[in-house]
Amino acid sequence: MSLLSHLFDERFLAHRLRSTSTAGIAGAAMAVVMFEYRYFVNHVASWDLAAIALTFLVVKITLMLWYAARD
């Protein structure tokens, strides 16, 4: 067995998948929170932050439907 197969096994890939998913959700949640803060406190709509959150939602729902249809 090579050194890389000891370092990067199935557990590593599962942890990477979970951490990436959690980071994406946290990033989208932060974009929503920042958008709402700027909108309600400063009375300015930051559409770039809304676009980030909307992109996350569209990609997440699309992939959920795609995987459900293929499973």
PDB file of N, CA and C in Angstrom:
ATOM      1  N   MET A   1       0.836  -1.184   0.000  1.00  0.00           N
ATOM      2  CA  MET A   1       0.000   0.000   0.000  1.00  0.00           C
ATOM      3  C   MET A   1       0.882   1.248   0.000  1.00  0.00           C
ATOM      4  N   SER A   2       0.447   2.206  -0.735  1.00  0.00           N
ATOM      5  CA  SER A   2       1.235   3.426  -0.807  1.00  0.00           C
ATOM      6  C   SER A   2       0.923   4.339   0.368  1.00  0.00           C
ATOM      7  N   LEU A   3       1.761   5.328   0.541  1.00  0.00           N
ATOM      8  CA  LEU A   3       1.581   6.291   1.621  1.00  0.00           C
ATOM      9  C   LEU A   3       0.296   7.096   1.428  1.00  0.00           C
ATOM     10  N   LEU A   4      -0.014   7.431   0.176  1.00  0.00           N
ATOM     11  CA  LEU A   4      -1.213   8.228  -0.095  1.00  0.00           C
ATOM     12  C   LEU A   4      -2.494   7.469   0.242  1.00  0.00           C
ATOM     13  N   SER A   5      -2.500   6.153   0.024  1.00  0.00           N
ATOM     14  CA  SER A   5      -3.707   5.392   0.345  1.00  0.00           C
ATOM     15  C   SER A   5      -3.937   5.318   1.851  1.00  0.00           C
ATOM     16  N   HIS A   6      -2.870   5.444   2.640  1.00  0.00           N
ATOM     17  CA  HIS A   6      -3.036   5.502   4.097  1.00  0.00           C
ATOM     18  C   HIS A   6      -3.580   6.866   4.539  1.00  0.00           C
ATOM     19  N   LEU A   7      -3.160   7.911   3.863  1.00  0.00           N
ATOM     20  CA  LEU A   7      -3.576   9.264   4.241  1.00  0.00           C
ATOM     21  C   LEU A   7      -4.970   9.612   3.728  1.00  0.00           C
ATOM     22  N   PHE A   8      -5.298   9.167   2.521  1.00  0.00           N
ATOM     23  CA  PHE A   8      -6.543   9.561   1.872  1.00  0.00           C
ATOM     24  C   PHE A   8      -7.420   8.339   1.630  1.00  0.00           C
ATOM     25  N   ASP A   9      -8.046   7.845   2.662  1.00  0.00           N
ATOM     26  CA  ASP A   9      -8.939   6.701   2.531  1.00  0.00           C
ATOM     27  C   ASP A   9     -10.388   7.181   2.472  1.00  0.00           C
ATOM     28  N   GLU A  10     -11.326   6.242   2.583  1.00  0.00           N
ATOM     29  CA  GLU A  10     -12.746   6.585   2.480  1.00  0.00           C
ATOM     30  C   GLU A  10     -13.188   7.539   3.585  1.00  0.00           C
ATOM     31  N   ARG A  11     -12.628   7.379   4.763  1.00  0.00           N
ATOM     32  CA  ARG A  11     -13.002   8.288   5.856  1.00  0.00           C
ATOM     33  C   ARG A  11     -12.599   9.718   5.546  1.00  0.00           C
ATOM     34  N   PHE A  12     -11.412   9.900   4.955  1.00  0.00           N
ATOM     35  CA  PHE A  12     -10.968  11.237   4.575  1.00  0.00           C
ATOM     36  C   PHE A  12     -11.935  11.852   3.569  1.00  0.00           C
ATOM     37  N   LEU A  13     -12.345  11.051   2.562  1.00  0.00           N
ATOM     38  CA  LEU A  13     -13.265  11.574   1.554  1.00  0.00           C
ATOM     39  C   LEU A  13     -14.625  11.904   2.155  1.00  0.00           C
ATOM     40  N   ALA A  14     -15.106  11.086   3.083  1.00  0.00           N
ATOM     41  CA  ALA A  14     -16.385  11.371   3.750  1.00  0.00           C
ATOM     42  C   ALA A  14     -16.285  12.633   4.591  1.00  0.00           C
ATOM     43  N   HIS A  15     -15.172  12.808   5.291  1.00  0.00           N
ATOM     44  CA  HIS A  15     -14.992  14.021   6.105  1.00  0.00           C
ATOM     45  C   HIS A  15     -14.890  15.258   5.220  1.00  0.00           C
ATOM     46  N   ARG A  16     -14.217  15.120   4.088  1.00  0.00           N
ATOM     47  CA  ARG A  16     -14.100  16.243   3.170  1.00  0.00           C
ATOM     48  C   ARG A  16     -15.471  16.624   2.612  1.00  0.00           C
ATOM     49  N   LEU A  17     -16.289  15.622   2.286  1.00  0.00           N
ATOM     50  CA  LEU A  17     -17.629  15.880   1.776  1.00  0.00           C
ATOM     51  C   LEU A  17     -18.479  16.601   2.808  1.00  0.00           C
ATOM     52  N   ARG A  18     -18.453  16.132   4.045  1.00  0.00           N
ATOM     53  CA  ARG A  18     -19.240  16.768   5.105  1.00  0.00           C
ATOM     54  C   ARG A  18     -18.774  18.181   5.396  1.00  0.00           C
ATOM     55  N   SER A  19     -17.459  18.374   5.469  1.00  0.00           N
ATOM     56  CA  SER A  19     -16.945  19.705   5.800  1.00  0.00           C
ATOM     57  C   SER A  19     -17.245  20.705   4.688  1.00  0.00           C
ATOM     58  N   THR A  20     -17.169  20.261   3.428  1.00  0.00           N
ATOM     59  CA  THR A  20     -17.479  21.151   2.319  1.00  0.00           C
ATOM     60  C   THR A  20     -18.959  21.525   2.319  1.00  0.00           C
ATOM     61  N   SER A  21     -19.817  20.554   2.603  1.00  0.00           N
ATOM     62  CA  SER A  21     -21.248  20.828   2.669  1.00  0.00           C
ATOM     63  C   SER A  21     -21.568  21.802   3.799  1.00  0.00           C
ATOM     64  N   THR A  22     -20.978  21.572   4.955  1.00  0.00           N
ATOM     65  CA  THR A  22     -21.219  22.464   6.098  1.00  0.00           C
ATOM     66  C   THR A  22     -20.702  23.867   5.816  1.00  0.00           C
ATOM     67  N   ALA A  23     -19.552  23.961   5.194  1.00  0.00           N
ATOM     68  CA  ALA A  23     -18.988  25.276   4.864  1.00  0.00           C
ATOM     69  C   ALA A  23     -19.877  26.017   3.863  1.00  0.00           C
ATOM     70  N   GLY A  24     -20.433  25.306   2.898  1.00  0.00           N
ATOM     71  CA  GLY A  24     -21.329  25.932   1.929  1.00  0.00           C
ATOM     72  C   GLY A  24     -22.595  26.448   2.577  1.00  0.00           C
ATOM     73  N   ILE A  25     -23.164  25.652   3.461  1.00  0.00           N
ATOM     74  CA  ILE A  25     -24.376  26.073   4.169  1.00  0.00           C
ATOM     75  C   ILE A  25     -24.088  27.273   5.053  1.00  0.00           C
ATOM     76  N   ALA A  26     -22.958  27.247   5.754  1.00  0.00           N
ATOM     77  CA  ALA A  26     -22.589  28.379   6.616  1.00  0.00           C
ATOM     78  C   ALA A  26     -22.362  29.644   5.793  1.00  0.00           C
ATOM     79  N   GLY A  27     -21.734  29.515   4.639  1.00  0.00           N
ATOM     80  CA  GLY A  27     -21.515  30.671   3.770  1.00  0.00           C
ATOM     81  C   GLY A  27     -22.813  31.270   3.262  1.00  0.00           C
ATOM     82  N   ALA A  28     -23.750  30.402   2.871  1.00  0.00           N
ATOM     83  CA  ALA A  28     -25.051  30.891   2.405  1.00  0.00           C
ATOM     84  C   ALA A  28     -25.826  31.543   3.537  1.00  0.00           C
ATOM     85  N   ALA A  29     -25.775  30.949   4.722  1.00  0.00           N
ATOM     86  CA  ALA A  29     -26.465  31.542   5.867  1.00  0.00           C
ATOM     87  C   ALA A  29     -25.869  32.905   6.213  1.00  0.00           C
ATOM     88  N   MET A  30     -24.571  33.014   6.130  1.00  0.00           N
ATOM     89  CA  MET A  30     -23.916  34.294   6.417  1.00  0.00           C
ATOM     90  C   MET A  30     -24.293  35.348   5.376  1.00  0.00           C
ATOM     91  N   ALA A  31     -24.416  34.950   4.118  1.00  0.00           N
ATOM     92  CA  ALA A  31     -24.845  35.898   3.084  1.00  0.00           C
ATOM     93  C   ALA A  31     -26.257  36.400   3.368  1.00  0.00           C
ATOM     94  N   VAL A  32     -27.147  35.503   3.812  1.00  0.00           N
ATOM     95  CA  VAL A  32     -28.518  35.911   4.141  1.00  0.00           C
ATOM     96  C   VAL A  32     -28.520  36.856   5.335  1.00  0.00           C
ATOM     97  N   VAL A  33     -27.760  36.520   6.362  1.00  0.00           N
ATOM     98  CA  VAL A  33     -27.702  37.366   7.563  1.00  0.00           C
ATOM     99  C   VAL A  33     -27.150  38.750   7.219  1.00  0.00           C
ATOM    100  N   MET A  34     -26.085  38.798   6.421  1.00  0.00           N
ATOM    101  CA  MET A  34     -25.517  40.099   6.044  1.00  0.00           C
ATOM    102  C   MET A  34     -26.481  40.904   5.191  1.00  0.00           C
ATOM    103  N   PHE A  35     -27.199  40.217   4.271  1.00  0.00           N
ATOM    104  CA  PHE A  35     -28.182  40.923   3.453  1.00  0.00           C
ATOM    105  C   PHE A  35     -29.277  41.534   4.329  1.00  0.00           C
ATOM    106  N   GLU A  36     -29.816  40.721   5.258  1.00  0.00           N
ATOM    107  CA  GLU A  36     -30.877  41.223   6.134  1.00  0.00           C
ATOM    108  C   GLU A  36     -30.391  42.345   7.036  1.00  0.00           C
ATOM    109  N   TYR A  37     -29.189  42.243   7.554  1.00  0.00           N
ATOM    110  CA  TYR A  37     -28.648  43.303   8.404  1.00  0.00           C
ATOM    111  C   TYR A  37     -28.541  44.608   7.626  1.00  0.00           C
ATOM    112  N   ARG A  38     -27.938  44.525   6.439  1.00  0.00           N
ATOM    113  CA  ARG A  38     -27.785  45.751   5.652  1.00  0.00           C
ATOM    114  C   ARG A  38     -29.131  46.319   5.227  1.00  0.00           C
ATOM    115  N   TYR A  39     -30.096  45.432   4.976  1.00  0.00           N
ATOM    116  CA  TYR A  39     -31.411  45.899   4.541  1.00  0.00           C
ATOM    117  C   TYR A  39     -32.190  46.549   5.679  1.00  0.00           C
ATOM    118  N   PHE A  40     -32.207  45.911   6.837  1.00  0.00           N
ATOM    119  CA  PHE A  40     -33.020  46.419   7.946  1.00  0.00           C
ATOM    120  C   PHE A  40     -32.328  47.517   8.750  1.00  0.00           C
ATOM    121  N   VAL A  41     -31.013  47.506   8.865  1.00  0.00           N
ATOM    122  CA  VAL A  41     -30.294  48.513   9.661  1.00  0.00           C
ATOM    123  C   VAL A  41     -29.897  49.704   8.808  1.00  0.00           C
ATOM    124  N   ASN A  42     -29.273  49.422   7.660  1.00  0.00           N
ATOM    125  CA  ASN A  42     -28.773  50.514   6.820  1.00  0.00           C
ATOM    126  C   ASN A  42     -29.761  50.923   5.723  1.00  0.00           C
ATOM    127  N   HIS A  43     -30.837  50.164   5.561  1.00  0.00           N
ATOM    128  CA  HIS A  43     -31.845  50.422   4.533  1.00  0.00           C
ATOM    129  C   HIS A  43     -31.245  50.420   3.139  1.00  0.00           C
ATOM    130  N   VAL A  44     -30.312  49.467   2.925  1.00  0.00           N
ATOM    131  CA  VAL A  44     -29.672  49.303   1.622  1.00  0.00           C
ATOM    132  C   VAL A  44     -29.785  47.834   1.241  1.00  0.00           C
ATOM    133  N   ALA A  45     -30.294  47.557   0.047  1.00  0.00           N
ATOM    134  CA  ALA A  45     -30.398  46.170  -0.421  1.00  0.00           C
ATOM    135  C   ALA A  45     -29.121  45.803  -1.160  1.00  0.00           C
ATOM    136  N   SER A  46     -28.370  44.864  -0.618  1.00  0.00           N
ATOM    137  CA  SER A  46     -27.142  44.378  -1.257  1.00  0.00           C
ATOM    138  C   SER A  46     -27.497  43.171  -2.123  1.00  0.00           C
ATOM    139  N   TRP A  47     -27.744  43.429  -3.385  1.00  0.00           N
ATOM    140  CA  TRP A  47     -28.217  42.362  -4.252  1.00  0.00           C
ATOM    141  C   TRP A  47     -27.136  41.335  -4.551  1.00  0.00           C
ATOM    142  N   ASP A  48     -25.880  41.693  -4.371  1.00  0.00           N
ATOM    143  CA  ASP A  48     -24.823  40.703  -4.566  1.00  0.00           C
ATOM    144  C   ASP A  48     -24.905  39.612  -3.496  1.00  0.00           C
ATOM    145  N   LEU A  49     -25.225  39.977  -2.260  1.00  0.00           N
ATOM    146  CA  LEU A  49     -25.383  38.983  -1.209  1.00  0.00           C
ATOM    147  C   LEU A  49     -26.634  38.139  -1.427  1.00  0.00           C
ATOM    148  N   ALA A  50     -27.692  38.763  -1.899  1.00  0.00           N
ATOM    149  CA  ALA A  50     -28.910  38.009  -2.207  1.00  0.00           C
ATOM    150  C   ALA A  50     -28.651  37.020  -3.342  1.00  0.00           C
ATOM    151  N   ALA A  51     -27.847  37.410  -4.306  1.00  0.00           N
ATOM    152  CA  ALA A  51     -27.514  36.520  -5.423  1.00  0.00           C
ATOM    153  C   ALA A  51     -26.711  35.309  -4.945  1.00  0.00           C
ATOM    154  N   ILE A  52     -25.821  35.510  -3.985  1.00  0.00           N
ATOM    155  CA  ILE A  52     -25.052  34.391  -3.439  1.00  0.00           C
ATOM    156  C   ILE A  52     -25.974  33.401  -2.742  1.00  0.00           C
ATOM    157  N   ALA A  53     -26.862  33.893  -1.912  1.00  0.00           N
ATOM    158  CA  ALA A  53     -27.796  33.018  -1.201  1.00  0.00           C
ATOM    159  C   ALA A  53     -28.738  32.315  -2.173  1.00  0.00           C
ATOM    160  N   LEU A  54     -29.233  33.016  -3.165  1.00  0.00           N
ATOM    161  CA  LEU A  54     -30.132  32.424  -4.145  1.00  0.00           C
ATOM    162  C   LEU A  54     -29.419  31.370  -4.985  1.00  0.00           C
ATOM    163  N   THR A  55     -28.191  31.628  -5.355  1.00  0.00           N
ATOM    164  CA  THR A  55     -27.400  30.635  -6.101  1.00  0.00           C
ATOM    165  C   THR A  55     -27.231  29.365  -5.289  1.00  0.00           C
ATOM    166  N   PHE A  56     -26.925  29.512  -3.998  1.00  0.00           N
ATOM    167  CA  PHE A  56     -26.797  28.344  -3.140  1.00  0.00           C
ATOM    168  C   PHE A  56     -28.090  27.540  -3.123  1.00  0.00           C
ATOM    169  N   LEU A  57     -29.219  28.220  -2.941  1.00  0.00           N
ATOM    170  CA  LEU A  57     -30.502  27.526  -2.877  1.00  0.00           C
ATOM    171  C   LEU A  57     -30.836  26.814  -4.181  1.00  0.00           C
ATOM    172  N   VAL A  58     -30.608  27.462  -5.296  1.00  0.00           N
ATOM    173  CA  VAL A  58     -30.923  26.857  -6.589  1.00  0.00           C
ATOM    174  C   VAL A  58     -30.056  25.625  -6.838  1.00  0.00           C
ATOM    175  N   VAL A  59     -28.766  25.734  -6.570  1.00  0.00           N
ATOM    176  CA  VAL A  59     -27.864  24.600  -6.783  1.00  0.00           C
ATOM    177  C   VAL A  59     -28.209  23.459  -5.840  1.00  0.00           C
ATOM    178  N   LYS A  60     -28.461  23.766  -4.573  1.00  0.00           N
ATOM    179  CA  LYS A  60     -28.786  22.732  -3.587  1.00  0.00           C
ATOM    180  C   LYS A  60     -30.064  21.983  -3.964  1.00  0.00           C
ATOM    181  N   ILE A  61     -31.126  22.709  -4.295  1.00  0.00           N
ATOM    182  CA  ILE A  61     -32.395  22.067  -4.637  1.00  0.00           C
ATOM    183  C   ILE A  61     -32.280  21.289  -5.945  1.00  0.00           C
ATOM    184  N   THR A  62     -31.589  21.846  -6.928  1.00  0.00           N
ATOM    185  CA  THR A  62     -31.394  21.147  -8.200  1.00  0.00           C
ATOM    186  C   THR A  62     -30.651  19.834  -7.999  1.00  0.00           C
ATOM    187  N   LEU A  63     -29.580  19.861  -7.228  1.00  0.00           N
ATOM    188  CA  LEU A  63     -28.831  18.634  -6.985  1.00  0.00           C
ATOM    189  C   LEU A  63     -29.619  17.629  -6.155  1.00  0.00           C
ATOM    190  N   MET A  64     -30.400  18.095  -5.203  1.00  0.00           N
ATOM    191  CA  MET A  64     -31.234  17.177  -4.425  1.00  0.00           C
ATOM    192  C   MET A  64     -32.239  16.478  -5.335  1.00  0.00           C
ATOM    193  N   LEU A  65     -32.870  17.196  -6.241  1.00  0.00           N
ATOM    194  CA  LEU A  65     -33.819  16.595  -7.172  1.00  0.00           C
ATOM    195  C   LEU A  65     -33.126  15.646  -8.144  1.00  0.00           C
ATOM    196  N   TRP A  66     -31.958  16.033  -8.621  1.00  0.00           N
ATOM    197  CA  TRP A  66     -31.192  15.210  -9.552  1.00  0.00           C
ATOM    198  C   TRP A  66     -30.792  13.877  -8.885  1.00  0.00           C
ATOM    199  N   TYR A  67     -30.256  13.951  -7.675  1.00  0.00           N
ATOM    200  CA  TYR A  67     -29.844  12.734  -6.992  1.00  0.00           C
ATOM    201  C   TYR A  67     -31.038  11.868  -6.619  1.00  0.00           C
ATOM    202  N   ALA A  68     -32.157  12.461  -6.263  1.00  0.00           N
ATOM    203  CA  ALA A  68     -33.359  11.693  -5.944  1.00  0.00           C
ATOM    204  C   ALA A  68     -33.897  10.979  -7.168  1.00  0.00           C
ATOM    205  N   ALA A  69     -33.816  11.616  -8.322  1.00  0.00           N
ATOM    206  CA  ALA A  69     -34.296  11.000  -9.562  1.00  0.00           C
ATOM    207  C   ALA A  69     -33.366   9.873 -10.024  1.00  0.00           C
ATOM    208  N   ARG A  70     -32.101   9.961  -9.707  1.00  0.00           N
ATOM    209  CA  ARG A  70     -31.115   8.960 -10.135  1.00  0.00           C
ATOM    210  C   ARG A  70     -30.909   7.844  -9.138  1.00  0.00           C
ATOM    211  N   ASP A  71     -31.457   7.981  -7.943  1.00  0.00           N
ATOM    212  CA  ASP A  71     -31.220   6.974  -6.899  1.00  0.00           C
ATOM    213  C   ASP A  71     -32.141   5.798  -7.016  1.00  0.00           C
TER     214      ASP A  71
END
